[in-house]
Each structure stands twice: as C-alpha cells, then as structure tokens.
C-alpha cells in the first residue's frame, strides 16, 4: 500500500465528514498521489473512501464517488466501495426527485440544470416553502446526482458482487427510472440495477421440443442475450443444427472490445416468452416472465432478418452465458402445457 495515498485518503475523508474547508485542497492532492500509485494501492484505499461516500454530506461524497469510479475504471477492485456507492446513489436520487418536484410545484417551470448550475441562496429560497427542513439535503442532492450516477454506472458494470447483492432492487430501479426525466443517464443506471447475475433460464425449441438450461450474468439487453444463445447452442454438441455466429462477433457480446466498424450481428430466431409474446431485443432479460420461478425463452424461426451492430450496451460489463444441461423432449412434458403458442 502507498503510505502517502493512504494518509491523504484518511485526511480527505475526515475533512468530508465534518465539512472542513481543507477538503478542496485535499482533493487535488488525492488525485496527484493516485497518479503515481499502483492499482493495488488504490484498491486498498477504497474501503476508506467508501466510508466518506456513505456518511459525508452529499456534495462532498459525490467527489469521493467520482474518484472511486475513476480508480475502478483503471483496474481497482470495485467491491469494497460498491455497496456504499449504490446505496448513496439511491438516497441521492430520492432526494433529488423531491427537489425536482418541489421546484416544479413552486415555479411551474423546469428545475435548474444540475450539471451547468450550482446551489445558491436563490435556489434554496425557491424550494424552501415546499421542502421545509429538507431543503438543504434535497438541493445538494440535486446538484450531486450526476457525480453519483456516473460513478454508480461504473461500479454496477464492473462489480457482479455489487449487482448480485443489491437489496430493494425494485425500489432502486424505480427511483432511477423516475429521475431519468431530469438526468437521462439514470436510464442506464436503472438498466444496470436490473441486470441478472447467476440467473438460470430455461430455453425451449418449439420445433424439436428439446430444451436447455443456461445460466446468465452481466447481460445488458436482449440483443446480447440473443447472440450469446446462438453462440452457445448453434452447431454445438447437444445443441441445435446450423452455423453459429462468428467467434469474433460472439466475443464482442462477451468481454472483447468492439472493433471500429463495428461488425454486424444477426438474430437467428424469434425469441418468445411463455405467454407467446415476443421478447424484443431492445428489452432486458429481467423483463422475461417466469413460469414456476424460472424465466422461459422459446425459440421460434425468425419472421424476418434482423441485423444490428455487434457490441455490448455496457462496454465495461463482461457477460457470461453457460449451458448447464440439455433436456430431451420427454424431460419437458411437464413444461409445454404452460407454454402458449406465439401470438404473431
């Protein structure tokens, strides 16, 4: 561990917790020390920054969140800071929502630009009649939200443990979705909160009555799910006949950088849910309804050719799709009565 980095991290967290004016001088010092420190030293310091993110006033915690996010993008371990950052992101989002609604109630107009403007006495006075004692927290949360959203996106992409360990997932996703009308980047946060990890899905081929159980993780949309299913099942032993997607295209949907261009992928099937409704590529695996606790994907022939650029919606998030087992038609007789015919 870098002793100098640890020292300045301790100092800046202490300053943040008590709103000491030295915070402004310590922030550039922290950045300078981090430039010369190895990744392992940054990882070792992140638990201390997590304390500041969780407990400091939101306007200062936001800066610690941004620093943490930048270190994680450079290779630092996201897990020590992930839970604290996502929890504070949700708190900040809820308070910012209260501010936005209070501003609209008080003025009938759009709230101030949270990225281009800053807290002021005029802003405070505008929403004080609506928010009362919560005015300062709501106002500071409004202007800190972009920092938490940016850092939250990074940690959610790069920490499967943070995603898998989220509590109150539905509320966190709902809050992010509600606040996206003020900060569109929160649409990405909402989608990341809903990412499935370690989720088993039953895949059924309607034509042959064969099936497969797969386990997925880190998949950002159903474009990605579609291609990874093709790569795992088509032309594979125990899978389906045909020519699988090219390996370089599948790699773009797993964990490889997408080359300039990018290459063009195609959908080998119509994906349909257990109720017979299309599973749209623009959706996410969490949208797929479950039958008896298991999400079901039915493979039907494609109704038309769909093509789209290769690549992951969230480039920092590696994906996995593992085939756990193949099921013969006689193994699945209890499932088909629950599977509706395609509605189109």
Protein backbone atom coordinates (compact mmCIF):
# COMPACT_ATOMS: atom_id res chain seq x y z
CA UNK A 1 0.00 0.00 0.00
CA UNK A 2 1.17 3.55 -0.70
CA UNK A 3 1.51 5.24 2.68
CA UNK A 4 1.16 8.70 1.14
CA UNK A 5 -2.05 7.73 -0.65
CA UNK A 6 -3.48 6.17 2.49
CA UNK A 7 -2.64 9.29 4.50
CA UNK A 8 -4.27 11.75 2.15
CA UNK A 9 -7.29 9.45 1.81
CA UNK A 10 -7.68 9.43 5.59
CA UNK A 11 -7.36 13.20 5.70
CA UNK A 12 -9.89 13.86 2.95
CA UNK A 13 -12.47 11.51 4.43
CA UNK A 14 -12.10 13.14 7.84
CA UNK A 15 -12.47 16.55 6.20
CA UNK A 16 -15.52 15.44 4.25
CA UNK A 17 -17.27 14.04 7.32
CA UNK A 18 -17.05 17.37 9.16
CA UNK A 19 -17.28 19.61 6.07
CA UNK A 20 -13.84 21.05 6.72
CA UNK A 21 -12.65 23.64 4.21
CA UNK A 22 -9.45 21.65 3.70
CA UNK A 23 -11.44 19.23 1.51
CA UNK A 24 -10.94 21.49 -1.52
CA UNK A 25 -7.15 21.40 -1.12
CA UNK A 26 -7.03 17.70 -0.34
CA UNK A 27 -8.93 16.61 -3.45
CA UNK A 28 -6.19 17.56 -5.96
CA UNK A 29 -3.60 16.06 -3.56
CA UNK A 30 -5.51 12.79 -3.57
CA UNK A 31 -5.58 12.79 -7.37
CA UNK A 32 -1.84 13.51 -7.59
CA UNK A 33 -0.94 10.72 -5.18
CA UNK A 34 -3.20 8.31 -7.05
CA UNK A 35 -1.45 9.02 -10.36
CA UNK A 36 1.78 7.56 -9.01
CA UNK A 37 0.21 4.73 -7.02
CA UNK A 38 -0.21 1.15 -8.28
CA UNK A 39 -3.70 -0.25 -8.75
CA UNK A 40 -3.33 -2.43 -5.67
CA UNK A 41 -2.75 0.66 -3.52
CA UNK A 42 -5.91 2.27 -4.85
CA UNK A 43 -7.88 -0.90 -4.12
CA UNK A 44 -6.55 -0.87 -0.56
CA UNK A 45 -7.70 2.72 -0.03
CA UNK A 46 -11.21 2.29 -1.45
CA UNK A 47 -12.73 0.94 1.80
CA UNK A 48 -11.77 4.23 3.45
CA UNK A 49 -13.28 6.26 0.61
CA UNK A 50 -16.42 4.13 0.94
CA UNK A 51 -16.85 5.47 4.48
CA UNK A 52 -16.83 9.01 3.16
CA UNK A 53 -19.19 8.18 0.31
CA UNK A 54 -21.66 6.64 2.75
CA UNK A 55 -21.53 9.25 5.50
CA UNK A 56 -20.22 12.61 4.26
CA UNK A 57 -22.54 15.41 3.12
CA UNK A 58 -23.74 14.50 -0.34
CA UNK A 59 -21.93 17.31 -2.17
CA UNK A 60 -18.57 16.07 -0.83
CA UNK A 61 -19.43 12.38 -1.02
CA UNK A 62 -20.12 12.90 -4.71
CA UNK A 63 -16.50 13.89 -5.32
CA UNK A 64 -15.28 10.80 -3.47
CA UNK A 65 -17.62 8.72 -5.62
CA UNK A 66 -16.14 10.18 -8.81
CA UNK A 67 -12.59 9.49 -7.63
CA UNK A 68 -13.56 5.92 -6.75
CA UNK A 69 -15.17 5.39 -10.14
CA UNK A 70 -12.08 6.62 -11.98
CA UNK A 71 -9.84 4.26 -10.00
CA UNK A 72 -12.17 1.34 -10.71
CA UNK A 73 -12.01 2.09 -14.44
CA UNK A 74 -8.22 1.95 -14.08
CA UNK A 75 -8.45 -1.54 -12.58
CA UNK A 76 -9.04 -1.06 -8.84
CA UNK A 77 -11.32 -3.56 -7.11
CA UNK A 78 -14.89 -2.20 -7.17
CA UNK A 79 -16.27 -4.45 -4.45
CA UNK A 80 -15.07 -2.52 -1.35
CA UNK A 81 -16.93 0.60 -2.45
CA UNK A 82 -19.81 -0.87 -4.46
CA UNK A 83 -22.48 -1.28 -1.80
CA UNK A 84 -21.87 2.11 -0.20
CA UNK A 85 -21.87 3.88 -3.55
CA UNK A 86 -25.08 2.32 -4.85
CA UNK A 87 -26.90 2.86 -1.56
CA UNK A 88 -25.88 6.52 -1.51
CA UNK A 89 -26.83 6.85 -5.17
CA UNK A 90 -30.37 5.74 -4.35
CA UNK A 91 -30.59 8.14 -1.39
CA UNK A 92 -29.33 10.98 -3.56
CA UNK A 93 -31.75 10.08 -6.33
CA UNK A 94 -34.74 10.09 -3.97
CA UNK A 95 -33.77 13.47 -2.50
CA UNK A 96 -33.14 14.91 -5.97
CA UNK A 97 -36.57 13.74 -7.06
CA UNK A 98 -38.08 15.62 -4.14
CA UNK A 99 -36.17 18.73 -5.22
CA UNK A 100 -37.28 18.47 -8.85
CA UNK A 101 -40.92 18.06 -7.93
CA UNK A 102 -40.71 20.89 -5.40
CA UNK A 103 -39.21 23.23 -7.99
CA UNK A 104 -41.95 22.40 -10.47
CA UNK A 105 -44.58 22.94 -7.81
CA UNK A 106 -43.08 26.26 -6.74
CA UNK A 107 -42.36 27.71 -10.19
CA UNK A 108 -44.29 25.73 -12.78
CA UNK A 109 -41.05 25.54 -14.76
CA UNK A 110 -38.02 23.33 -15.31
CA UNK A 111 -35.57 22.89 -12.40
CA UNK A 112 -32.04 24.30 -12.75
CA UNK A 113 -29.56 22.36 -14.87
CA UNK A 114 -27.86 20.07 -12.34
CA UNK A 115 -24.67 19.89 -14.40
CA UNK A 116 -24.34 23.53 -15.51
CA UNK A 117 -25.65 25.39 -12.44
CA UNK A 118 -24.91 25.13 -8.73
CA UNK A 119 -26.55 25.57 -5.31
CA UNK A 120 -27.37 29.14 -4.36
CA UNK A 121 -29.44 31.14 -1.94
CA UNK A 122 -31.92 31.85 -4.71
CA UNK A 123 -32.34 28.14 -5.44
CA UNK A 124 -32.75 27.45 -1.72
CA UNK A 125 -35.36 30.17 -1.28
CA UNK A 126 -37.37 28.90 -4.26
CA UNK A 127 -37.97 25.41 -2.87
CA UNK A 128 -37.87 26.17 0.86
CA UNK A 129 -41.66 26.77 1.15
CA UNK A 130 -42.27 23.28 -0.26
CA UNK A 131 -39.42 21.27 1.29
CA UNK A 132 -39.02 22.94 4.68
CA UNK A 133 -36.28 21.39 6.79
CA UNK A 134 -35.29 19.03 3.97
CA UNK A 135 -34.34 21.85 1.63
CA UNK A 136 -30.56 21.75 2.02
CA UNK A 137 -30.29 17.98 1.58
CA UNK A 138 -32.60 18.00 -1.44
CA UNK A 139 -30.80 20.90 -3.11
CA UNK A 140 -27.33 19.45 -2.55
CA UNK A 141 -28.53 16.04 -3.75
CA UNK A 142 -29.89 17.59 -6.93
CA UNK A 143 -26.52 19.02 -7.90
CA UNK A 144 -24.54 15.95 -6.74
CA UNK A 145 -26.68 13.44 -8.63
CA UNK A 146 -24.63 13.47 -11.88
CA UNK A 147 -21.50 12.53 -9.94
CA UNK A 148 -23.18 9.62 -8.18
CA UNK A 149 -24.86 8.47 -11.39
CA UNK A 150 -21.57 8.40 -13.29
CA UNK A 151 -19.70 6.55 -10.54
CA UNK A 152 -22.66 4.23 -9.93
CA UNK A 153 -22.70 3.22 -13.59
CA UNK A 154 -19.05 2.29 -13.38
CA UNK A 155 -19.32 0.19 -10.25
CA UNK A 156 -22.50 -1.55 -11.41
CA UNK A 157 -20.85 -2.51 -14.68
CA UNK A 158 -17.66 -3.78 -13.11
CA UNK A 159 -18.83 -5.46 -9.89
CA UNK A 160 -21.04 -8.54 -10.28
CA UNK A 161 -20.92 -8.92 -6.49
CA UNK A 162 -22.41 -5.45 -6.02
CA UNK A 163 -25.19 -6.15 -8.54
CA UNK A 164 -25.97 -9.56 -7.07
CA UNK A 165 -26.01 -8.23 -3.51
CA UNK A 166 -28.42 -5.36 -4.08
CA UNK A 167 -31.34 -5.13 -1.70
CA UNK A 168 -34.53 -3.23 -2.53
CA UNK A 169 -33.68 -3.72 -6.20
CA UNK A 170 -37.17 -2.82 -7.45
CA UNK A 171 -37.24 0.44 -5.49
CA UNK A 172 -33.74 1.41 -6.63
CA UNK A 173 -34.65 0.75 -10.25
CA UNK A 174 -37.93 2.63 -9.88
CA UNK A 175 -36.26 5.68 -8.35
CA UNK A 176 -33.63 5.78 -11.10
CA UNK A 177 -36.33 5.49 -13.76
CA UNK A 178 -38.39 8.30 -12.22
CA UNK A 179 -35.37 10.60 -12.02
CA UNK A 180 -34.26 9.86 -15.59
CA UNK A 181 -36.56 12.62 -16.82
CA UNK A 182 -34.23 15.04 -15.08
CA UNK A 183 -30.96 13.19 -15.80
CA UNK A 184 -31.22 10.80 -18.78
CA UNK A 185 -28.06 8.93 -17.75
CA UNK A 186 -30.14 7.36 -14.99
CA UNK A 187 -31.84 5.21 -17.65
CA UNK A 188 -28.51 3.36 -17.82
CA UNK A 189 -28.36 3.12 -14.03
CA UNK A 190 -31.87 1.69 -13.97
CA UNK A 191 -30.94 -0.94 -16.57
CA UNK A 192 -27.77 -1.87 -14.68
CA UNK A 193 -29.67 -2.31 -11.42
CA UNK A 194 -31.94 -4.78 -13.21
CA UNK A 195 -29.10 -6.87 -14.69
CA UNK A 196 -29.41 -10.55 -13.81
CA UNK A 197 -26.41 -12.44 -12.41
CA UNK A 198 -26.36 -16.16 -11.78
CA UNK A 199 -29.87 -16.42 -13.24
CA UNK A 200 -30.96 -19.76 -14.68
CA UNK A 201 -33.14 -19.60 -17.80
CA UNK A 202 -34.96 -22.46 -19.49
CA UNK A 203 -34.58 -22.29 -23.28
CA UNK A 204 -37.08 -24.32 -25.33
CA UNK A 205 -37.03 -25.08 -29.05
CA UNK A 206 -40.65 -25.25 -30.12
CA UNK A 207 -39.97 -27.24 -33.30
CA UNK A 208 -38.00 -30.13 -31.78
CA UNK A 209 -39.29 -29.93 -28.20
CA UNK A 210 -35.68 -30.00 -26.97
CA UNK A 211 -34.52 -27.61 -24.30
CA UNK A 212 -31.51 -26.31 -22.39
CA UNK A 213 -30.88 -24.73 -19.03
CA UNK A 214 -28.46 -21.82 -19.22
CA UNK A 215 -27.06 -19.52 -16.53
CA UNK A 216 -26.52 -15.89 -17.48
CA UNK A 217 -24.77 -12.92 -15.94
CA UNK A 218 -23.88 -9.38 -16.92
CA UNK A 219 -26.16 -9.24 -19.97
CA UNK A 220 -27.27 -5.68 -20.70
CA UNK A 221 -30.02 -6.24 -23.27
CA UNK A 222 -31.70 -8.92 -25.33
CA UNK A 223 -29.58 -8.21 -28.41
CA UNK A 224 -26.75 -9.58 -26.29
CA UNK A 225 -28.82 -12.49 -24.95
CA UNK A 226 -29.88 -13.43 -28.49
CA UNK A 227 -26.35 -13.58 -29.89
CA UNK A 228 -24.92 -15.39 -26.87
CA UNK A 229 -27.65 -18.03 -27.08
CA UNK A 230 -26.78 -18.51 -30.75
CA UNK A 231 -23.11 -18.84 -29.94
CA UNK A 232 -23.77 -21.36 -27.17
CA UNK A 233 -26.36 -23.54 -28.91
CA UNK A 234 -25.98 -23.46 -32.70
CA UNK A 235 -23.58 -26.02 -34.14
CA UNK A 236 -22.57 -27.23 -30.69
CA UNK A 237 -22.73 -30.83 -29.39
CA UNK A 238 -26.13 -31.31 -27.81
CA UNK A 239 -27.28 -28.02 -29.29
CA UNK A 240 -29.05 -27.01 -32.50
CA UNK A 241 -28.06 -27.53 -36.12
CA UNK A 242 -26.77 -24.65 -38.20
CA UNK A 243 -23.89 -22.24 -38.45
CA UNK A 244 -23.15 -20.39 -35.24
CA UNK A 245 -22.41 -16.67 -35.13
CA UNK A 246 -18.80 -15.85 -35.94
CA UNK A 247 -16.49 -16.16 -32.94
CA UNK A 248 -15.30 -12.57 -33.16
CA UNK A 249 -18.90 -11.35 -33.08
CA UNK A 250 -19.77 -13.50 -30.07
CA UNK A 251 -16.64 -12.19 -28.33
CA UNK A 252 -17.90 -8.61 -28.74
CA UNK A 253 -21.01 -9.59 -26.77
CA UNK A 254 -18.98 -11.34 -24.05
CA UNK A 255 -15.96 -9.32 -22.99
CA UNK A 256 -13.90 -8.30 -26.02
CA UNK A 257 -13.56 -4.71 -27.25
CA UNK A 258 -15.76 -3.95 -30.24
CA UNK A 259 -13.57 -3.09 -33.25
CA UNK A 260 -14.22 0.02 -35.31
CA UNK A 261 -16.93 -0.56 -37.80
CA UNK A 262 -18.42 -2.45 -35.97
CA UNK A 263 -19.20 -5.96 -37.34
CA UNK A 264 -22.86 -6.76 -37.99
CA UNK A 265 -24.69 -9.41 -35.99
CA UNK A 266 -28.00 -11.07 -36.81
CA UNK A 267 -30.78 -12.76 -34.84
CA UNK A 268 -31.08 -16.48 -35.57
CA UNK A 269 -34.56 -16.79 -34.03
CA UNK A 270 -37.66 -15.09 -32.79
CA UNK A 271 -37.36 -15.18 -29.03
CA UNK A 272 -40.79 -15.69 -27.44
CA UNK A 273 -41.82 -15.84 -23.79
CA UNK A 274 -44.01 -18.44 -22.11
CA UNK A 275 -47.12 -16.33 -22.81
CA UNK A 276 -46.43 -16.31 -26.54
CA UNK A 277 -45.28 -12.67 -26.64
CA UNK A 278 -42.15 -11.60 -28.48
CA UNK A 279 -39.05 -10.95 -26.40
CA UNK A 280 -37.83 -7.76 -28.03
CA UNK A 281 -34.10 -7.30 -28.50
CA UNK A 282 -34.42 -3.79 -27.09
CA UNK A 283 -35.61 -5.21 -23.75
CA UNK A 284 -33.59 -6.85 -20.98
CA UNK A 285 -33.55 -10.39 -19.59
CA UNK A 286 -35.24 -9.19 -16.39
CA UNK A 287 -38.34 -8.43 -18.49
CA UNK A 288 -38.76 -12.11 -19.41
CA UNK A 289 -41.62 -13.54 -17.33
CA UNK A 290 -41.09 -16.61 -15.15
CA UNK A 291 -43.07 -19.83 -15.01
CA UNK A 292 -42.94 -21.50 -11.60
CA UNK A 293 -39.99 -19.32 -10.70
CA UNK A 294 -37.95 -19.90 -13.87
CA UNK A 295 -37.70 -17.49 -16.80
CA UNK A 296 -38.51 -19.22 -20.08
CA UNK A 297 -37.30 -18.37 -23.58
CA UNK A 298 -38.89 -20.16 -26.53
CA UNK A 299 -37.03 -20.34 -29.85
CA UNK A 300 -39.11 -19.88 -32.98
CA UNK A 301 -37.92 -19.42 -36.58
CA UNK A 302 -37.21 -15.77 -37.41
CA UNK A 303 -40.11 -13.98 -39.08
CA UNK A 304 -37.67 -11.67 -40.86
CA UNK A 305 -33.95 -10.98 -40.86
CA UNK A 306 -32.79 -8.72 -38.04
CA UNK A 307 -29.31 -7.22 -38.15
CA UNK A 308 -27.62 -4.89 -35.69
CA UNK A 309 -24.13 -3.70 -34.78
CA UNK A 310 -22.10 -6.04 -32.60
CA UNK A 311 -21.14 -4.86 -29.14
CA UNK A 312 -22.35 -4.60 -25.56
CA UNK A 313 -24.72 -1.90 -24.37
CA UNK A 314 -22.43 -1.50 -21.35
CA UNK A 315 -18.86 -1.89 -22.62
CA UNK A 316 -17.30 -2.17 -19.14
CA UNK A 317 -19.54 -5.11 -18.15
CA UNK A 318 -18.36 -8.59 -19.19
CA UNK A 319 -21.14 -11.09 -19.83
CA UNK A 320 -21.46 -14.81 -19.29
CA UNK A 321 -23.82 -17.44 -20.66
CA UNK A 322 -23.15 -21.05 -19.67
CA UNK A 323 -25.11 -24.08 -20.86
CA UNK A 324 -25.79 -26.14 -17.74
CA UNK A 325 -27.58 -29.02 -19.45
CA UNK A 326 -29.65 -30.28 -22.37
CA UNK A 327 -33.18 -31.63 -21.93
CA UNK A 328 -34.80 -34.23 -24.19
CA UNK A 329 -38.47 -33.88 -25.19
CA UNK A 330 -39.51 -36.50 -22.64
CA UNK A 331 -37.86 -34.42 -19.90
CA UNK A 332 -40.01 -31.41 -20.75
CA UNK A 333 -43.53 -32.84 -20.97
CA UNK A 334 -44.49 -31.06 -17.77
CA UNK A 335 -43.39 -27.70 -19.17
CA UNK A 336 -45.17 -27.47 -22.51
CA UNK A 337 -48.71 -27.18 -21.06
CA UNK A 338 -47.51 -23.86 -19.53
CA UNK A 339 -46.15 -22.56 -22.87
CA UNK A 340 -48.52 -20.63 -25.11
CA UNK A 341 -48.34 -20.54 -28.87
CA UNK A 342 -46.74 -17.45 -30.37
CA UNK A 343 -49.24 -14.60 -30.62
CA UNK A 344 -47.93 -13.45 -34.02
